[in-house]
């Protein structure tokens, strides 16, 4: 799914969400240097790549 498909899915389900985009960071020390809303909570994404079929 791409960003638009995910947004549509959430909106169709009437699910509140908020998107915050920032530069890529690779560890928590780098996260501490950027300004993010809700600094009291952490959320992480993990993207895995399968070289044969692209992004999964």
PDB file of N, CA and C in Angstrom:
ATOM      1  N   UNK A   1       0.841  -1.182   0.000  1.00  0.00           N
ATOM      2  CA  UNK A   1       0.000   0.000   0.000  1.00  0.00           C
ATOM      3  C   UNK A   1       0.887   1.247   0.000  1.00  0.00           C
ATOM      4  N   UNK A   2       0.432   2.260  -0.683  1.00  0.00           N
ATOM      5  CA  UNK A   2       1.155   3.527  -0.646  1.00  0.00           C
ATOM      6  C   UNK A   2       0.517   4.462   0.384  1.00  0.00           C
ATOM      7  N   UNK A   3       1.090   5.639   0.554  1.00  0.00           N
ATOM      8  CA  UNK A   3       0.592   6.578   1.569  1.00  0.00           C
ATOM      9  C   UNK A   3      -0.877   6.939   1.347  1.00  0.00           C
ATOM     10  N   UNK A   4      -1.240   7.184   0.100  1.00  0.00           N
ATOM     11  CA  UNK A   4      -2.615   7.584  -0.192  1.00  0.00           C
ATOM     12  C   UNK A   4      -3.588   6.456   0.122  1.00  0.00           C
ATOM     13  N   UNK A   5      -3.222   5.231  -0.191  1.00  0.00           N
ATOM     14  CA  UNK A   5      -4.104   4.083   0.094  1.00  0.00           C
ATOM     15  C   UNK A   5      -4.283   3.892   1.600  1.00  0.00           C
ATOM     16  N   UNK A   6      -3.220   4.073   2.341  1.00  0.00           N
ATOM     17  CA  UNK A   6      -3.304   3.941   3.796  1.00  0.00           C
ATOM     18  C   UNK A   6      -4.177   5.053   4.377  1.00  0.00           C
ATOM     19  N   UNK A   7      -3.966   6.279   3.909  1.00  0.00           N
ATOM     20  CA  UNK A   7      -4.796   7.399   4.373  1.00  0.00           C
ATOM     21  C   UNK A   7      -6.260   7.146   4.067  1.00  0.00           C
ATOM     22  N   UNK A   8      -6.554   6.679   2.867  1.00  0.00           N
ATOM     23  CA  UNK A   8      -7.942   6.396   2.482  1.00  0.00           C
ATOM     24  C   UNK A   8      -8.551   5.317   3.365  1.00  0.00           C
ATOM     25  N   UNK A   9      -7.791   4.282   3.649  1.00  0.00           N
ATOM     26  CA  UNK A   9      -8.274   3.199   4.497  1.00  0.00           C
ATOM     27  C   UNK A   9      -8.627   3.722   5.893  1.00  0.00           C
ATOM     28  N   UNK A  10      -7.762   4.532   6.465  1.00  0.00           N
ATOM     29  CA  UNK A  10      -8.024   5.099   7.787  1.00  0.00           C
ATOM     30  C   UNK A  10      -9.225   6.031   7.761  1.00  0.00           C
ATOM     31  N   UNK A  11      -9.309   6.875   6.734  1.00  0.00           N
ATOM     32  CA  UNK A  11     -10.431   7.805   6.633  1.00  0.00           C
ATOM     33  C   UNK A  11     -11.752   7.067   6.411  1.00  0.00           C
ATOM     34  N   UNK A  12     -11.744   6.051   5.575  1.00  0.00           N
ATOM     35  CA  UNK A  12     -12.962   5.260   5.345  1.00  0.00           C
ATOM     36  C   UNK A  12     -13.447   4.601   6.629  1.00  0.00           C
ATOM     37  N   UNK A  13     -12.504   4.197   7.475  1.00  0.00           N
ATOM     38  CA  UNK A  13     -12.852   3.584   8.751  1.00  0.00           C
ATOM     39  C   UNK A  13     -13.087   4.599   9.848  1.00  0.00           C
ATOM     40  N   UNK A  14     -13.054   5.872   9.489  1.00  0.00           N
ATOM     41  CA  UNK A  14     -13.230   6.971  10.439  1.00  0.00           C
ATOM     42  C   UNK A  14     -12.259   6.848  11.616  1.00  0.00           C
ATOM     43  N   UNK A  15     -11.020   6.528  11.274  1.00  0.00           N
ATOM     44  CA  UNK A  15      -9.959   6.381  12.275  1.00  0.00           C
ATOM     45  C   UNK A  15      -9.117   7.648  12.260  1.00  0.00           C
ATOM     46  N   UNK A  16      -9.019   8.296  13.422  1.00  0.00           N
ATOM     47  CA  UNK A  16      -8.210   9.509  13.524  1.00  0.00           C
ATOM     48  C   UNK A  16      -6.739   9.139  13.425  1.00  0.00           C
ATOM     49  N   UNK A  17      -5.989   9.937  12.696  1.00  0.00           N
ATOM     50  CA  UNK A  17      -4.544   9.732  12.606  1.00  0.00           C
ATOM     51  C   UNK A  17      -3.867  11.060  12.362  1.00  0.00           C
ATOM     52  N   UNK A  18      -2.593  11.081  12.590  1.00  0.00           N
ATOM     53  CA  UNK A  18      -1.791  12.271  12.382  1.00  0.00           C
ATOM     54  C   UNK A  18      -0.474  11.823  11.762  1.00  0.00           C
ATOM     55  N   UNK A  19      -0.010  12.535  10.768  1.00  0.00           N
ATOM     56  CA  UNK A  19       1.236  12.190  10.087  1.00  0.00           C
ATOM     57  C   UNK A  19       2.289  13.232  10.441  1.00  0.00           C
ATOM     58  N   UNK A  20       3.454  12.759  10.843  1.00  0.00           N
ATOM     59  CA  UNK A  20       4.599  13.619  11.085  1.00  0.00           C
ATOM     60  C   UNK A  20       5.747  13.089  10.243  1.00  0.00           C
ATOM     61  N   UNK A  21       6.230  13.899   9.323  1.00  0.00           N
ATOM     62  CA  UNK A  21       7.355  13.483   8.493  1.00  0.00           C
ATOM     63  C   UNK A  21       8.617  14.160   8.993  1.00  0.00           C
ATOM     64  N   UNK A  22       9.729  13.437   8.935  1.00  0.00           N
ATOM     65  CA  UNK A  22      11.019  13.960   9.384  1.00  0.00           C
ATOM     66  C   UNK A  22      12.124  13.247   8.626  1.00  0.00           C
ATOM     67  N   UNK A  23      13.311  13.769   8.774  1.00  0.00           N
ATOM     68  CA  UNK A  23      14.470  13.144   8.140  1.00  0.00           C
ATOM     69  C   UNK A  23      14.672  11.739   8.691  1.00  0.00           C
ATOM     70  N   UNK A  24      15.346  10.915   7.941  1.00  0.00           N
ATOM     71  CA  UNK A  24      15.615   9.550   8.398  1.00  0.00           C
ATOM     72  C   UNK A  24      16.531   9.583   9.620  1.00  0.00           C
ATOM     73  N   UNK A  25      16.205   8.755  10.605  1.00  0.00           N
ATOM     74  CA  UNK A  25      17.042   8.595  11.787  1.00  0.00           C
ATOM     75  C   UNK A  25      17.288   7.106  11.997  1.00  0.00           C
ATOM     76  N   UNK A  26      18.419   6.786  12.558  1.00  0.00           N
ATOM     77  CA  UNK A  26      18.816   5.382  12.642  1.00  0.00           C
ATOM     78  C   UNK A  26      18.989   4.864  14.067  1.00  0.00           C
ATOM     79  N   UNK A  27      18.896   5.750  15.047  1.00  0.00           N
ATOM     80  CA  UNK A  27      18.988   5.306  16.440  1.00  0.00           C
ATOM     81  C   UNK A  27      18.327   6.356  17.330  1.00  0.00           C
ATOM     82  N   UNK A  28      18.165   6.026  18.589  1.00  0.00           N
ATOM     83  CA  UNK A  28      17.446   6.901  19.509  1.00  0.00           C
ATOM     84  C   UNK A  28      18.221   8.195  19.787  1.00  0.00           C
ATOM     85  N   UNK A  29      19.538   8.168  19.677  1.00  0.00           N
ATOM     86  CA  UNK A  29      20.313   9.395  19.857  1.00  0.00           C
ATOM     87  C   UNK A  29      19.968  10.403  18.760  1.00  0.00           C
ATOM     88  N   UNK A  30      19.786   9.916  17.531  1.00  0.00           N
ATOM     89  CA  UNK A  30      19.395  10.799  16.436  1.00  0.00           C
ATOM     90  C   UNK A  30      17.957  11.283  16.606  1.00  0.00           C
ATOM     91  N   UNK A  31      17.088  10.443  17.124  1.00  0.00           N
ATOM     92  CA  UNK A  31      15.703  10.848  17.371  1.00  0.00           C
ATOM     93  C   UNK A  31      15.671  12.006  18.365  1.00  0.00           C
ATOM     94  N   UNK A  32      16.530  11.952  19.368  1.00  0.00           N
ATOM     95  CA  UNK A  32      16.554  12.995  20.398  1.00  0.00           C
ATOM     96  C   UNK A  32      16.921  14.357  19.823  1.00  0.00           C
ATOM     97  N   UNK A  33      17.574  14.384  18.661  1.00  0.00           N
ATOM     98  CA  UNK A  33      18.010  15.648  18.066  1.00  0.00           C
ATOM     99  C   UNK A  33      16.949  16.295  17.171  1.00  0.00           C
ATOM    100  N   UNK A  34      15.893  15.567  16.831  1.00  0.00           N
ATOM    101  CA  UNK A  34      14.860  16.173  15.989  1.00  0.00           C
ATOM    102  C   UNK A  34      13.656  16.535  16.844  1.00  0.00           C
ATOM    103  N   UNK A  35      12.894  17.499  16.385  1.00  0.00           N
ATOM    104  CA  UNK A  35      11.746  17.951  17.158  1.00  0.00           C
ATOM    105  C   UNK A  35      10.496  17.221  16.670  1.00  0.00           C
ATOM    106  N   UNK A  36       9.909  16.418  17.544  1.00  0.00           N
ATOM    107  CA  UNK A  36       8.719  15.659  17.225  1.00  0.00           C
ATOM    108  C   UNK A  36       7.609  15.993  18.217  1.00  0.00           C
ATOM    109  N   UNK A  37       6.361  15.973  17.755  1.00  0.00           N
ATOM    110  CA  UNK A  37       5.263  16.151  18.712  1.00  0.00           C
ATOM    111  C   UNK A  37       5.162  14.920  19.611  1.00  0.00           C
ATOM    112  N   UNK A  38       4.564  15.068  20.744  1.00  0.00           N
ATOM    113  CA  UNK A  38       4.341  13.948  21.671  1.00  0.00           C
ATOM    114  C   UNK A  38       5.666  13.291  22.062  1.00  0.00           C
ATOM    115  N   UNK A  39       6.614  14.086  22.485  1.00  0.00           N
ATOM    116  CA  UNK A  39       7.946  13.558  22.805  1.00  0.00           C
ATOM    117  C   UNK A  39       7.937  12.566  23.965  1.00  0.00           C
ATOM    118  N   UNK A  40       6.828  12.501  24.696  1.00  0.00           N
ATOM    119  CA  UNK A  40       6.762  11.564  25.831  1.00  0.00           C
ATOM    120  C   UNK A  40       6.471  10.120  25.398  1.00  0.00           C
ATOM    121  N   UNK A  41       6.139   9.903  24.134  1.00  0.00           N
ATOM    122  CA  UNK A  41       5.870   8.550  23.643  1.00  0.00           C
ATOM    123  C   UNK A  41       6.763   8.256  22.441  1.00  0.00           C
ATOM    124  N   UNK A  42       7.048   6.991  22.219  1.00  0.00           N
ATOM    125  CA  UNK A  42       7.876   6.578  21.096  1.00  0.00           C
ATOM    126  C   UNK A  42       7.091   5.664  20.178  1.00  0.00           C
ATOM    127  N   UNK A  43       7.299   5.820  18.911  1.00  0.00           N
ATOM    128  CA  UNK A  43       6.746   4.904  17.915  1.00  0.00           C
ATOM    129  C   UNK A  43       7.834   4.670  16.878  1.00  0.00           C
ATOM    130  N   UNK A  44       7.924   3.451  16.401  1.00  0.00           N
ATOM    131  CA  UNK A  44       8.965   3.115  15.429  1.00  0.00           C
ATOM    132  C   UNK A  44       8.345   2.372  14.257  1.00  0.00           C
ATOM    133  N   UNK A  45       8.946   2.540  13.110  1.00  0.00           N
ATOM    134  CA  UNK A  45       8.567   1.790  11.915  1.00  0.00           C
ATOM    135  C   UNK A  45       9.748   0.941  11.492  1.00  0.00           C
ATOM    136  N   UNK A  46       9.448  -0.216  10.962  1.00  0.00           N
ATOM    137  CA  UNK A  46      10.481  -1.086  10.431  1.00  0.00           C
ATOM    138  C   UNK A  46      10.049  -1.503   9.036  1.00  0.00           C
ATOM    139  N   UNK A  47      10.897  -1.245   8.070  1.00  0.00           N
ATOM    140  CA  UNK A  47      10.612  -1.641   6.702  1.00  0.00           C
ATOM    141  C   UNK A  47      11.630  -2.699   6.300  1.00  0.00           C
ATOM    142  N   UNK A  48      11.138  -3.805   5.812  1.00  0.00           N
ATOM    143  CA  UNK A  48      12.018  -4.894   5.386  1.00  0.00           C
ATOM    144  C   UNK A  48      11.989  -4.984   3.867  1.00  0.00           C
ATOM    145  N   UNK A  49      13.086  -5.320   3.269  1.00  0.00           N
ATOM    146  CA  UNK A  49      13.161  -5.421   1.816  1.00  0.00           C
ATOM    147  C   UNK A  49      13.542  -6.841   1.418  1.00  0.00           C
ATOM    148  N   UNK A  50      12.796  -7.352   0.480  1.00  0.00           N
ATOM    149  CA  UNK A  50      13.104  -8.642  -0.131  1.00  0.00           C
ATOM    150  C   UNK A  50      13.649  -8.319  -1.519  1.00  0.00           C
ATOM    151  N   UNK A  51      14.930  -8.568  -1.757  1.00  0.00           N
ATOM    152  CA  UNK A  51      15.560  -8.160  -3.009  1.00  0.00           C
ATOM    153  C   UNK A  51      14.886  -8.732  -4.248  1.00  0.00           C
ATOM    154  N   UNK A  52      14.197  -9.841  -4.118  1.00  0.00           N
ATOM    155  CA  UNK A  52      13.564 -10.459  -5.271  1.00  0.00           C
ATOM    156  C   UNK A  52      12.256  -9.784  -5.658  1.00  0.00           C
ATOM    157  N   UNK A  53      11.508  -9.274  -4.669  1.00  0.00           N
ATOM    158  CA  UNK A  53      10.202  -8.724  -4.999  1.00  0.00           C
ATOM    159  C   UNK A  53      10.042  -7.255  -4.624  1.00  0.00           C
ATOM    160  N   UNK A  54      11.071  -6.610  -4.125  1.00  0.00           N
ATOM    161  CA  UNK A  54      10.957  -5.209  -3.737  1.00  0.00           C
ATOM    162  C   UNK A  54      10.528  -5.054  -2.299  1.00  0.00           C
ATOM    163  N   UNK A  55       9.909  -3.936  -1.996  1.00  0.00           N
ATOM    164  CA  UNK A  55       9.508  -3.638  -0.615  1.00  0.00           C
ATOM    165  C   UNK A  55       8.357  -4.513  -0.180  1.00  0.00           C
ATOM    166  N   UNK A  56       8.401  -4.948   1.079  1.00  0.00           N
ATOM    167  CA  UNK A  56       7.329  -5.748   1.648  1.00  0.00           C
ATOM    168  C   UNK A  56       6.751  -5.046   2.846  1.00  0.00           C
TER     169      UNK A  56
END
